[in-house]
PDB file of N, CA and C in Angstrom:
ATOM      1  N   MET A   1      69.629 119.602  91.914  1.00  0.00           N
ATOM      2  CA  MET A   1      69.298 118.034  92.799  1.00  0.00           C
ATOM      3  C   MET A   1      70.430 118.015  93.833  1.00  0.00           C
ATOM      4  N   ALA A   2      70.752 119.564  94.296  1.00  0.00           N
ATOM      5  CA  ALA A   2      72.166 118.969  95.490  1.00  0.00           C
ATOM      6  C   ALA A   2      70.426 119.368  97.000  1.00  0.00           C
ATOM      7  N   HIS A   3      69.311 120.213  96.460  1.00  0.00           N
ATOM      8  CA  HIS A   3      68.241 120.172  97.574  1.00  0.00           C
ATOM      9  C   HIS A   3      67.072 118.978  97.595  1.00  0.00           C
ATOM     10  N   LYS A   4      67.227 118.308  96.309  1.00  0.00           N
ATOM     11  CA  LYS A   4      66.366 117.068  96.600  1.00  0.00           C
ATOM     12  C   LYS A   4      66.675 116.132  97.734  1.00  0.00           C
ATOM     13  N   ILE A   5      68.107 116.402  97.896  1.00  0.00           N
ATOM     14  CA  ILE A   5      69.196 115.251  97.826  1.00  0.00           C
ATOM     15  C   ILE A   5      69.129 116.172  99.623  1.00  0.00           C
ATOM     16  N   ARG A   6      68.908 117.141  99.880  1.00  0.00           N
ATOM     17  CA  ARG A   6      68.711 117.480 101.188  1.00  0.00           C
ATOM     18  C   ARG A   6      67.493 117.040 101.463  1.00  0.00           C
ATOM     19  N   ASP A   7      66.836 117.128 101.033  1.00  0.00           N
ATOM     20  CA  ASP A   7      64.801 117.235 101.329  1.00  0.00           C
ATOM     21  C   ASP A   7      64.847 115.281 101.406  1.00  0.00           C
ATOM     22  N   VAL A   8      65.630 114.451 100.620  1.00  0.00           N
ATOM     23  CA  VAL A   8      65.581 113.243 100.854  1.00  0.00           C
ATOM     24  C   VAL A   8      66.736 113.531 102.729  1.00  0.00           C
ATOM     25  N   LYS A   9      66.893 113.474 102.819  1.00  0.00           N
ATOM     26  CA  LYS A   9      68.403 113.369 104.097  1.00  0.00           C
ATOM     27  C   LYS A   9      67.621 114.196 104.965  1.00  0.00           C
ATOM     28  N   GLN A  10      67.060 114.498 104.542  1.00  0.00           N
ATOM     29  CA  GLN A  10      66.037 115.620 106.121  1.00  0.00           C
ATOM     30  C   GLN A  10      64.937 114.659 106.360  1.00  0.00           C
ATOM     31  N   ARG A  11      64.462 113.940 105.760  1.00  0.00           N
ATOM     32  CA  ARG A  11      63.207 112.438 105.653  1.00  0.00           C
ATOM     33  C   ARG A  11      63.740 111.508 106.331  1.00  0.00           C
ATOM     34  N   ILE A  12      64.684 111.227 105.718  1.00  0.00           N
ATOM     35  CA  ILE A  12      65.632 109.628 106.394  1.00  0.00           C
ATOM     36  C   ILE A  12      66.317 109.752 107.435  1.00  0.00           C
ATOM     37  N   ASP A  13      66.625 110.817 108.108  1.00  0.00           N
ATOM     38  CA  ASP A  13      66.993 112.195 109.132  1.00  0.00           C
ATOM     39  C   ASP A  13      65.483 111.683 110.282  1.00  0.00           C
ATOM     40  N   GLU A  14      64.076 111.964 109.566  1.00  0.00           N
ATOM     41  CA  GLU A  14      63.762 112.347 111.012  1.00  0.00           C
ATOM     42  C   GLU A  14      62.748 110.845 110.806  1.00  0.00           C
ATOM     43  N   LYS A  15      62.743 109.466 109.875  1.00  0.00           N
ATOM     44  CA  LYS A  15      61.453 108.633 110.480  1.00  0.00           C
ATOM     45  C   LYS A  15      63.460 107.890 110.990  1.00  0.00           C
ATOM     46  N   VAL A  16      64.503 108.672 111.023  1.00  0.00           N
ATOM     47  CA  VAL A  16      65.411 107.756 111.997  1.00  0.00           C
ATOM     48  C   VAL A  16      65.260 108.139 113.625  1.00  0.00           C
ATOM     49  N   ARG A  17      64.472 109.477 114.086  1.00  0.00           N
ATOM     50  CA  ARG A  17      64.172 109.998 115.348  1.00  0.00           C
ATOM     51  C   ARG A  17      63.520 109.530 115.385  1.00  0.00           C
ATOM     52  N   GLU A  18      62.153 109.603 114.673  1.00  0.00           N
ATOM     53  CA  GLU A  18      60.345 108.961 114.974  1.00  0.00           C
ATOM     54  C   GLU A  18      61.033 106.960 115.591  1.00  0.00           C
ATOM     55  N   GLY A  19      61.389 106.663 114.307  1.00  0.00           N
ATOM     56  CA  GLY A  19      62.218 104.943 115.064  1.00  0.00           C
ATOM     57  C   GLY A  19      62.986 104.579 116.307  1.00  0.00           C
ATOM     58  N   ALA A  20      63.879 106.081 116.762  1.00  0.00           N
ATOM     59  CA  ALA A  20      64.384 105.869 118.635  1.00  0.00           C
ATOM     60  C   ALA A  20      63.446 105.897 119.036  1.00  0.00           C
ATOM     61  N   GLU A  21      62.742 107.351 118.452  1.00  0.00           N
ATOM     62  CA  GLU A  21      61.509 107.521 119.561  1.00  0.00           C
ATOM     63  C   GLU A  21      60.350 105.524 119.771  1.00  0.00           C
ATOM     64  N   LEU A  22      60.239 105.855 119.145  1.00  0.00           N
ATOM     65  CA  LEU A  22      59.647 104.085 118.971  1.00  0.00           C
ATOM     66  C   LEU A  22      60.453 102.639 119.984  1.00  0.00           C
ATOM     67  N   GLY A  23      61.937 103.489 119.635  1.00  0.00           N
ATOM     68  CA  GLY A  23      62.583 101.531 120.126  1.00  0.00           C
ATOM     69  C   GLY A  23      63.531 100.899 118.616  1.00  0.00           C
ATOM     70  N   ILE A  24      62.606 100.824 117.495  1.00  0.00           N
ATOM     71  CA  ILE A  24      63.090 100.722 117.135  1.00  0.00           C
ATOM     72  C   ILE A  24      64.799 101.292 116.543  1.00  0.00           C
ATOM     73  N   ALA A  25      65.141  99.476 116.561  1.00  0.00           N
ATOM     74  CA  ALA A  25      66.703  99.641 116.050  1.00  0.00           C
ATOM     75  C   ALA A  25      67.252 100.934 115.576  1.00  0.00           C
ATOM     76  N   GLU A  26      68.225 101.624 115.546  1.00  0.00           N
ATOM     77  CA  GLU A  26      68.693 102.629 114.477  1.00  0.00           C
ATOM     78  C   GLU A  26      68.507 101.737 113.234  1.00  0.00           C
ATOM     79  N   HIS A  27      69.263 101.715 112.284  1.00  0.00           N
ATOM     80  CA  HIS A  27      69.584 102.924 110.930  1.00  0.00           C
ATOM     81  C   HIS A  27      70.688 101.779 110.700  1.00  0.00           C
ATOM     82  N   VAL A  28      70.209 100.055 109.991  1.00  0.00           N
ATOM     83  CA  VAL A  28      70.774  98.956 109.473  1.00  0.00           C
ATOM     84  C   VAL A  28      72.089  99.040 108.792  1.00  0.00           C
ATOM     85  N   ASN A  29      71.254  99.881 107.321  1.00  0.00           N
ATOM     86  CA  ASN A  29      72.261 100.622 106.536  1.00  0.00           C
ATOM     87  C   ASN A  29      73.418 101.110 107.138  1.00  0.00           C
ATOM     88  N   ALA A  30      72.957 101.539 108.581  1.00  0.00           N
ATOM     89  CA  ALA A  30      73.944 102.311 109.426  1.00  0.00           C
ATOM     90  C   ALA A  30      75.658 101.882 109.473  1.00  0.00           C
ATOM     91  N   SER A  31      75.477 100.095 110.256  1.00  0.00           N
ATOM     92  CA  SER A  31      75.990  99.543 110.918  1.00  0.00           C
ATOM     93  C   SER A  31      76.478  99.017 110.033  1.00  0.00           C
ATOM     94  N   THR A  32      75.873  98.028 108.253  1.00  0.00           N
ATOM     95  CA  THR A  32      76.426  97.692 107.283  1.00  0.00           C
ATOM     96  C   THR A  32      77.179  97.730 106.444  1.00  0.00           C
ATOM     97  N   SER A  33      77.481  99.577 105.972  1.00  0.00           N
ATOM     98  CA  SER A  33      78.748 101.011 105.314  1.00  0.00           C
ATOM     99  C   SER A  33      80.153  99.934 106.408  1.00  0.00           C
ATOM    100  N   ARG A  34      79.397 100.548 108.356  1.00  0.00           N
ATOM    101  CA  ARG A  34      81.388 100.558 107.962  1.00  0.00           C
ATOM    102  C   ARG A  34      81.764  98.379 108.479  1.00  0.00           C
ATOM    103  N   LYS A  35      81.159  97.963 108.593  1.00  0.00           N
ATOM    104  CA  LYS A  35      81.745  96.740 108.303  1.00  0.00           C
ATOM    105  C   LYS A  35      82.396  96.117 107.289  1.00  0.00           C
ATOM    106  N   ASP A  36      81.579  97.251 105.481  1.00  0.00           N
ATOM    107  CA  ASP A  36      82.232  96.510 104.785  1.00  0.00           C
ATOM    108  C   ASP A  36      83.629  97.483 104.411  1.00  0.00           C
ATOM    109  N   SER A  37      83.842  98.967 104.914  1.00  0.00           N
ATOM    110  CA  SER A  37      85.084  99.946 104.712  1.00  0.00           C
ATOM    111  C   SER A  37      85.891  99.275 105.775  1.00  0.00           C
ATOM    112  N   SER A  38      85.550  98.332 107.533  1.00  0.00           N
ATOM    113  CA  SER A  38      86.699  97.739 107.645  1.00  0.00           C
ATOM    114  C   SER A  38      88.031  97.045 107.312  1.00  0.00           C
ATOM    115  N   TRP A  39      86.900  96.272 105.770  1.00  0.00           N
ATOM    116  CA  TRP A  39      88.746  95.201 104.668  1.00  0.00           C
ATOM    117  C   TRP A  39      89.659  96.396 104.603  1.00  0.00           C
ATOM    118  N   ARG A  40      89.501  97.159 104.521  1.00  0.00           N
ATOM    119  CA  ARG A  40      89.932  98.111 103.593  1.00  0.00           C
ATOM    120  C   ARG A  40      91.242  98.949 105.107  1.00  0.00           C
ATOM    121  N   GLU A  41      90.861  98.706 106.176  1.00  0.00           N
ATOM    122  CA  GLU A  41      92.134  98.934 106.966  1.00  0.00           C
ATOM    123  C   GLU A  41      93.022  98.072 107.118  1.00  0.00           C
ATOM    124  N   THR A  42      94.108  99.188 107.111  1.00  0.00           N
ATOM    125  CA  THR A  42      94.955  98.506 107.459  1.00  0.00           C
ATOM    126  C   THR A  42      96.082  99.135 108.491  1.00  0.00           C
ATOM    127  N   SER A  43      97.031  97.966 109.060  1.00  0.00           N
ATOM    128  CA  SER A  43      97.641  97.615 111.084  1.00  0.00           C
ATOM    129  C   SER A  43      98.638  98.438 110.133  1.00  0.00           C
ATOM    130  N   SER A  44      99.720  98.208 111.586  1.00  0.00           N
ATOM    131  CA  SER A  44     101.734  98.334 111.591  1.00  0.00           C
ATOM    132  C   SER A  44     102.127  96.964 111.554  1.00  0.00           C
ATOM    133  N   PHE A  45     100.828  95.858 111.923  1.00  0.00           N
ATOM    134  CA  PHE A  45     101.538  94.999 112.561  1.00  0.00           C
ATOM    135  C   PHE A  45     101.983  93.964 111.215  1.00  0.00           C
ATOM    136  N   VAL A  46     103.333  93.506 111.965  1.00  0.00           N
ATOM    137  CA  VAL A  46     104.024  92.702 110.482  1.00  0.00           C
ATOM    138  C   VAL A  46     103.869  90.951 111.482  1.00  0.00           C
ATOM    139  N   PRO A  47     103.168  90.095 110.215  1.00  0.00           N
ATOM    140  CA  PRO A  47     103.885  88.673 111.182  1.00  0.00           C
ATOM    141  C   PRO A  47     105.414  88.504 111.775  1.00  0.00           C
ATOM    142  N   PRO A  48     105.108  87.140 113.040  1.00  0.00           N
ATOM    143  CA  PRO A  48     106.156  87.560 112.816  1.00  0.00           C
ATOM    144  C   PRO A  48     106.732  86.788 112.285  1.00  0.00           C
ATOM    145  N   ARG A  49     107.007  85.696 111.847  1.00  0.00           N
ATOM    146  CA  ARG A  49     106.974  84.798 110.385  1.00  0.00           C
ATOM    147  C   ARG A  49     106.313  84.921 109.379  1.00  0.00           C
ATOM    148  N   VAL A  50     107.877  86.009 108.568  1.00  0.00           N
ATOM    149  CA  VAL A  50     107.807  85.956 107.052  1.00  0.00           C
ATOM    150  C   VAL A  50     107.943  85.483 106.232  1.00  0.00           C
ATOM    151  N   THR A  51     108.183  84.303 105.322  1.00  0.00           N
ATOM    152  CA  THR A  51     108.981  83.781 104.593  1.00  0.00           C
ATOM    153  C   THR A  51     108.924  84.470 102.805  1.00  0.00           C
ATOM    154  N   GLY A  52     110.738  83.396 102.738  1.00  0.00           N
ATOM    155  CA  GLY A  52     110.084  84.619 100.711  1.00  0.00           C
ATOM    156  C   GLY A  52     110.644  86.068 101.292  1.00  0.00           C
ATOM    157  N   ARG A  53     111.451  86.423 101.207  1.00  0.00           N
ATOM    158  CA  ARG A  53     110.789  87.514 101.340  1.00  0.00           C
ATOM    159  C   ARG A  53     112.312  88.456 101.808  1.00  0.00           C
ATOM    160  N   ILE A  54     113.473  87.867 102.112  1.00  0.00           N
ATOM    161  CA  ILE A  54     114.497  88.645 103.226  1.00  0.00           C
ATOM    162  C   ILE A  54     115.175  89.059 101.975  1.00  0.00           C
ATOM    163  N   GLU A  55     114.584  88.985 100.275  1.00  0.00           N
ATOM    164  CA  GLU A  55     116.141  88.979  99.711  1.00  0.00           C
ATOM    165  C   GLU A  55     115.371  90.013  98.903  1.00  0.00           C
ATOM    166  N   GLU A  56     114.242  90.741  99.097  1.00  0.00           N
ATOM    167  CA  GLU A  56     113.799  91.365  98.203  1.00  0.00           C
ATOM    168  C   GLU A  56     113.262  92.886  99.376  1.00  0.00           C
ATOM    169  N   LYS A  57     113.754  92.814 100.562  1.00  0.00           N
ATOM    170  CA  LYS A  57     112.883  93.264 101.964  1.00  0.00           C
ATOM    171  C   LYS A  57     114.235  93.514 101.835  1.00  0.00           C
ATOM    172  N   GLN A  58     115.864  93.242 101.628  1.00  0.00           N
ATOM    173  CA  GLN A  58     116.911  93.881 101.371  1.00  0.00           C
ATOM    174  C   GLN A  58     117.385  94.684 100.267  1.00  0.00           C
ATOM    175  N   ASN A  59     116.837  94.340  99.131  1.00  0.00           N
ATOM    176  CA  ASN A  59     116.532  95.291  98.112  1.00  0.00           C
ATOM    177  C   ASN A  59     116.165  96.382  98.689  1.00  0.00           C
ATOM    178  N   LEU A  60     115.441  96.536  98.883  1.00  0.00           N
ATOM    179  CA  LEU A  60     114.488  97.718  98.613  1.00  0.00           C
ATOM    180  C   LEU A  60     114.959  98.292  99.896  1.00  0.00           C
ATOM    181  N   ILE A  61     115.890  97.947 100.813  1.00  0.00           N
ATOM    182  CA  ILE A  61     116.860  98.641 101.958  1.00  0.00           C
ATOM    183  C   ILE A  61     117.996  99.446 101.580  1.00  0.00           C
ATOM    184  N   ASP A  62     118.661  98.884 100.790  1.00  0.00           N
ATOM    185  CA  ASP A  62     119.571  99.278 100.207  1.00  0.00           C
ATOM    186  C   ASP A  62     119.134 100.170  99.390  1.00  0.00           C
ATOM    187  N   LEU A  63     117.913 100.101  98.816  1.00  0.00           N
ATOM    188  CA  LEU A  63     118.160 101.344  97.580  1.00  0.00           C
ATOM    189  C   LEU A  63     117.330 102.949  98.217  1.00  0.00           C
ATOM    190  N   LEU A  64     116.633 102.758  99.931  1.00  0.00           N
ATOM    191  CA  LEU A  64     116.656 103.832 100.551  1.00  0.00           C
ATOM    192  C   LEU A  64     117.991 104.397 100.697  1.00  0.00           C
ATOM    193  N   VAL A  65     118.533 103.540 101.877  1.00  0.00           N
ATOM    194  CA  VAL A  65     119.095 104.261 102.173  1.00  0.00           C
ATOM    195  C   VAL A  65     120.736 103.308 101.360  1.00  0.00           C
ATOM    196  N   GLY A  66     120.811 103.324 100.625  1.00  0.00           N
ATOM    197  CA  GLY A  66     121.611 103.308 100.163  1.00  0.00           C
ATOM    198  C   GLY A  66     123.327 103.696 100.048  1.00  0.00           C
ATOM    199  N   SER A  67     124.106 103.674  99.784  1.00  0.00           N
ATOM    200  CA  SER A  67     125.024 104.652  99.699  1.00  0.00           C
ATOM    201  C   SER A  67     124.870 105.602  97.999  1.00  0.00           C
ATOM    202  N   GLN A  68     124.091 105.746  97.161  1.00  0.00           N
ATOM    203  CA  GLN A  68     124.111 107.198  96.446  1.00  0.00           C
ATOM    204  C   GLN A  68     123.350 107.586  97.150  1.00  0.00           C
ATOM    205  N   ALA A  69     124.551 109.403  96.660  1.00  0.00           N
ATOM    206  CA  ALA A  69     124.778 110.431  97.689  1.00  0.00           C
ATOM    207  C   ALA A  69     123.739 111.552  96.205  1.00  0.00           C
ATOM    208  N   PRO A  70     122.593 112.169  97.405  1.00  0.00           N
ATOM    209  CA  PRO A  70     121.741 112.432  95.894  1.00  0.00           C
ATOM    210  C   PRO A  70     122.409 114.436  94.454  1.00  0.00           C
ATOM    211  N   PRO A  71     121.824 114.270  94.343  1.00  0.00           N
ATOM    212  CA  PRO A  71     122.942 115.195  93.290  1.00  0.00           C
ATOM    213  C   PRO A  71     123.149 116.789  94.270  1.00  0.00           C
ATOM    214  N   GLU A  72     123.943 117.755  94.807  1.00  0.00           N
ATOM    215  CA  GLU A  72     124.925 118.467  95.465  1.00  0.00           C
ATOM    216  C   GLU A  72     123.517 119.169  96.042  1.00  0.00           C
ATOM    217  N   SER A  73     122.833 119.683  94.002  1.00  0.00           N
ATOM    218  CA  SER A  73     121.610 121.292  94.577  1.00  0.00           C
ATOM    219  C   SER A  73     120.785 120.538  95.848  1.00  0.00           C
ATOM    220  N   GLU A  74     120.820 119.185  96.033  1.00  0.00           N
ATOM    221  CA  GLU A  74     119.342 118.488  96.401  1.00  0.00           C
ATOM    222  C   GLU A  74     120.073 118.327  97.286  1.00  0.00           C
ATOM    223  N   SER A  75     121.186 118.254  98.017  1.00  0.00           N
ATOM    224  CA  SER A  75     121.139 117.345  99.570  1.00  0.00           C
ATOM    225  C   SER A  75     121.618 118.781 100.314  1.00  0.00           C
ATOM    226  N   GLN A  76     122.284 119.989  99.575  1.00  0.00           N
ATOM    227  CA  GLN A  76     121.907 121.056 100.302  1.00  0.00           C
ATOM    228  C   GLN A  76     121.143 122.000 100.982  1.00  0.00           C
ATOM    229  N   HIS A  77     120.067 121.152 100.639  1.00  0.00           N
ATOM    230  CA  HIS A  77     117.791 122.009 100.791  1.00  0.00           C
ATOM    231  C   HIS A  77     117.917 120.826 100.811  1.00  0.00           C
ATOM    232  N   GLY A  78     117.971 119.523 101.809  1.00  0.00           N
ATOM    233  CA  GLY A  78     117.431 118.539 101.369  1.00  0.00           C
ATOM    234  C   GLY A  78     116.066 118.357 100.315  1.00  0.00           C
ATOM    235  N   ASN A  79     115.720 118.584 100.457  1.00  0.00           N
ATOM    236  CA  ASN A  79     114.826 118.106  98.990  1.00  0.00           C
ATOM    237  C   ASN A  79     114.709 117.291  98.233  1.00  0.00           C
ATOM    238  N   THR A  80     115.220 116.050  98.995  1.00  0.00           N
ATOM    239  CA  THR A  80     115.515 114.455  98.104  1.00  0.00           C
ATOM    240  C   THR A  80     113.974 113.719  99.243  1.00  0.00           C
ATOM    241  N   ILE A  81     113.526 113.347  98.873  1.00  0.00           N
ATOM    242  CA  ILE A  81     112.458 111.896  98.462  1.00  0.00           C
ATOM    243  C   ILE A  81     112.192 110.764  97.941  1.00  0.00           C
ATOM    244  N   ASP A  82     112.608 109.257  98.658  1.00  0.00           N
ATOM    245  CA  ASP A  82     113.143 108.684  97.461  1.00  0.00           C
ATOM    246  C   ASP A  82     111.294 107.863  97.562  1.00  0.00           C
ATOM    247  N   VAL A  83     111.487 107.489  96.337  1.00  0.00           N
ATOM    248  CA  VAL A  83     109.616 106.470  96.247  1.00  0.00           C
ATOM    249  C   VAL A  83     110.017 105.281  96.054  1.00  0.00           C
ATOM    250  N   ILE A  84     110.183 104.351  95.878  1.00  0.00           N
ATOM    251  CA  ILE A  84     109.894 103.273  95.357  1.00  0.00           C
ATOM    252  C   ILE A  84     109.100 102.416  95.698  1.00  0.00           C
ATOM    253  N   PRO A  85     107.930 102.537  94.080  1.00  0.00           N
ATOM    254  CA  PRO A  85     106.556 101.245  94.127  1.00  0.00           C
ATOM    255  C   PRO A  85     106.754 100.093  93.975  1.00  0.00           C
ATOM    256  N   ILE A  86     105.882  99.492  94.706  1.00  0.00           N
ATOM    257  CA  ILE A  86     106.075  97.899  94.182  1.00  0.00           C
ATOM    258  C   ILE A  86     104.629  98.143  94.797  1.00  0.00           C
ATOM    259  N   VAL A  87     105.022  97.039  92.735  1.00  0.00           N
ATOM    260  CA  VAL A  87     103.285  96.895  91.971  1.00  0.00           C
ATOM    261  C   VAL A  87     103.533  95.207  92.243  1.00  0.00           C
ATOM    262  N   GLY A  88     101.933  94.724  91.871  1.00  0.00           N
ATOM    263  CA  GLY A  88     101.629  93.452  91.560  1.00  0.00           C
ATOM    264  C   GLY A  88      99.765  93.623  92.006  1.00  0.00           C
ATOM    265  N   ILE A  89      99.635  92.188  91.724  1.00  0.00           N
ATOM    266  CA  ILE A  89      98.438  91.650  92.053  1.00  0.00           C
ATOM    267  C   ILE A  89      97.482  91.044  93.233  1.00  0.00           C
ATOM    268  N   GLY A  90      96.838  91.815  93.381  1.00  0.00           N
ATOM    269  CA  GLY A  90      96.108  91.838  95.092  1.00  0.00           C
ATOM    270  C   GLY A  90      96.646  89.989  95.316  1.00  0.00           C
ATOM    271  N   GLY A  91      97.264  90.003  96.456  1.00  0.00           N
ATOM    272  CA  GLY A  91      97.654  88.470  97.818  1.00  0.00           C
ATOM    273  C   GLY A  91      99.130  88.088  98.271  1.00  0.00           C
ATOM    274  N   LEU A  92      99.537  89.393  97.242  1.00  0.00           N
ATOM    275  CA  LEU A  92     101.708  89.193  96.937  1.00  0.00           C
ATOM    276  C   LEU A  92     101.787  89.150  98.622  1.00  0.00           C
ATOM    277  N   GLY A  93     101.805  89.627  98.938  1.00  0.00           N
ATOM    278  CA  GLY A  93     102.519  90.713  99.800  1.00  0.00           C
ATOM    279  C   GLY A  93     103.421  91.955 100.136  1.00  0.00           C
ATOM    280  N   LYS A  94     102.849  92.842  98.968  1.00  0.00           N
ATOM    281  CA  LYS A  94     102.473  94.481  99.043  1.00  0.00           C
ATOM    282  C   LYS A  94     103.702  95.516  99.890  1.00  0.00           C
ATOM    283  N   THR A  95     101.698  94.847 100.754  1.00  0.00           N
ATOM    284  CA  THR A  95     101.788  95.168 102.036  1.00  0.00           C
ATOM    285  C   THR A  95     102.797  95.348 103.275  1.00  0.00           C
ATOM    286  N   THR A  96     103.246  93.853 103.388  1.00  0.00           N
ATOM    287  CA  THR A  96     103.814  92.707 104.316  1.00  0.00           C
ATOM    288  C   THR A  96     105.105  93.273 104.214  1.00  0.00           C
ATOM    289  N   LEU A  97     105.740  93.281 102.409  1.00  0.00           N
ATOM    290  CA  LEU A  97     107.383  93.875 102.268  1.00  0.00           C
ATOM    291  C   LEU A  97     107.290  95.291 102.525  1.00  0.00           C
ATOM    292  N   ALA A  98     105.930  96.393 102.450  1.00  0.00           N
ATOM    293  CA  ALA A  98     106.610  97.298 102.832  1.00  0.00           C
ATOM    294  C   ALA A  98     107.085  97.576 104.535  1.00  0.00           C
ATOM    295  N   GLN A  99     105.780  97.567 105.179  1.00  0.00           N
ATOM    296  CA  GLN A  99     105.971  97.115 106.411  1.00  0.00           C
ATOM    297  C   GLN A  99     106.594  96.196 106.976  1.00  0.00           C
ATOM    298  N   MET A 100     107.745  94.992 106.674  1.00  0.00           N
ATOM    299  CA  MET A 100     108.685  95.105 107.341  1.00  0.00           C
ATOM    300  C   MET A 100     109.912  95.834 106.411  1.00  0.00           C
ATOM    301  N   VAL A 101     109.941  96.525 104.998  1.00  0.00           N
ATOM    302  CA  VAL A 101     111.007  97.993 105.749  1.00  0.00           C
ATOM    303  C   VAL A 101     111.118  98.448 106.915  1.00  0.00           C
ATOM    304  N   TYR A 102     110.000  99.473 106.648  1.00  0.00           N
ATOM    305  CA  TYR A 102     109.454 100.483 107.631  1.00  0.00           C
ATOM    306  C   TYR A 102     109.877  99.899 109.134  1.00  0.00           C
ATOM    307  N   HIS A 103     109.999  98.721 109.306  1.00  0.00           N
ATOM    308  CA  HIS A 103     109.708  98.455 110.734  1.00  0.00           C
ATOM    309  C   HIS A 103     111.523  98.178 110.866  1.00  0.00           C
ATOM    310  N   ASP A 104     112.429  98.179 110.130  1.00  0.00           N
ATOM    311  CA  ASP A 104     113.085  97.541 109.395  1.00  0.00           C
ATOM    312  C   ASP A 104     114.156  98.728 110.522  1.00  0.00           C
ATOM    313  N   ASP A 105     115.445  97.752 111.647  1.00  0.00           N
ATOM    314  CA  ASP A 105     116.256  99.298 111.996  1.00  0.00           C
ATOM    315  C   ASP A 105     117.369 100.118 110.898  1.00  0.00           C
ATOM    316  N   SER A 106     117.480  98.849 110.147  1.00  0.00           N
ATOM    317  CA  SER A 106     118.341 100.590 109.590  1.00  0.00           C
ATOM    318  C   SER A 106     117.345 101.288 108.512  1.00  0.00           C
TER     319      SER A 106
END
């Protein structure tokens, strides 16, 4: 099966080269796939005005930097990593909340 895929890819590449030599626009699907995947990219931009998440943000910050000391054996070796899952259906603001916590000075 791998050799069949390789053959098809070579034929496609050859047709793309021929099209480029004739001045035909290159591979329509390549630009379409880039546009489709761009919606999955995130940035660290936090909207300047987020309402209704101050309490949740503070709760997460308290959990992360709170006064809970790790057990002695872990604190000596520095092997602790805090992971707090933020779950919910799409559009609730999970990413925004995580970004707000990340960008908080504390």
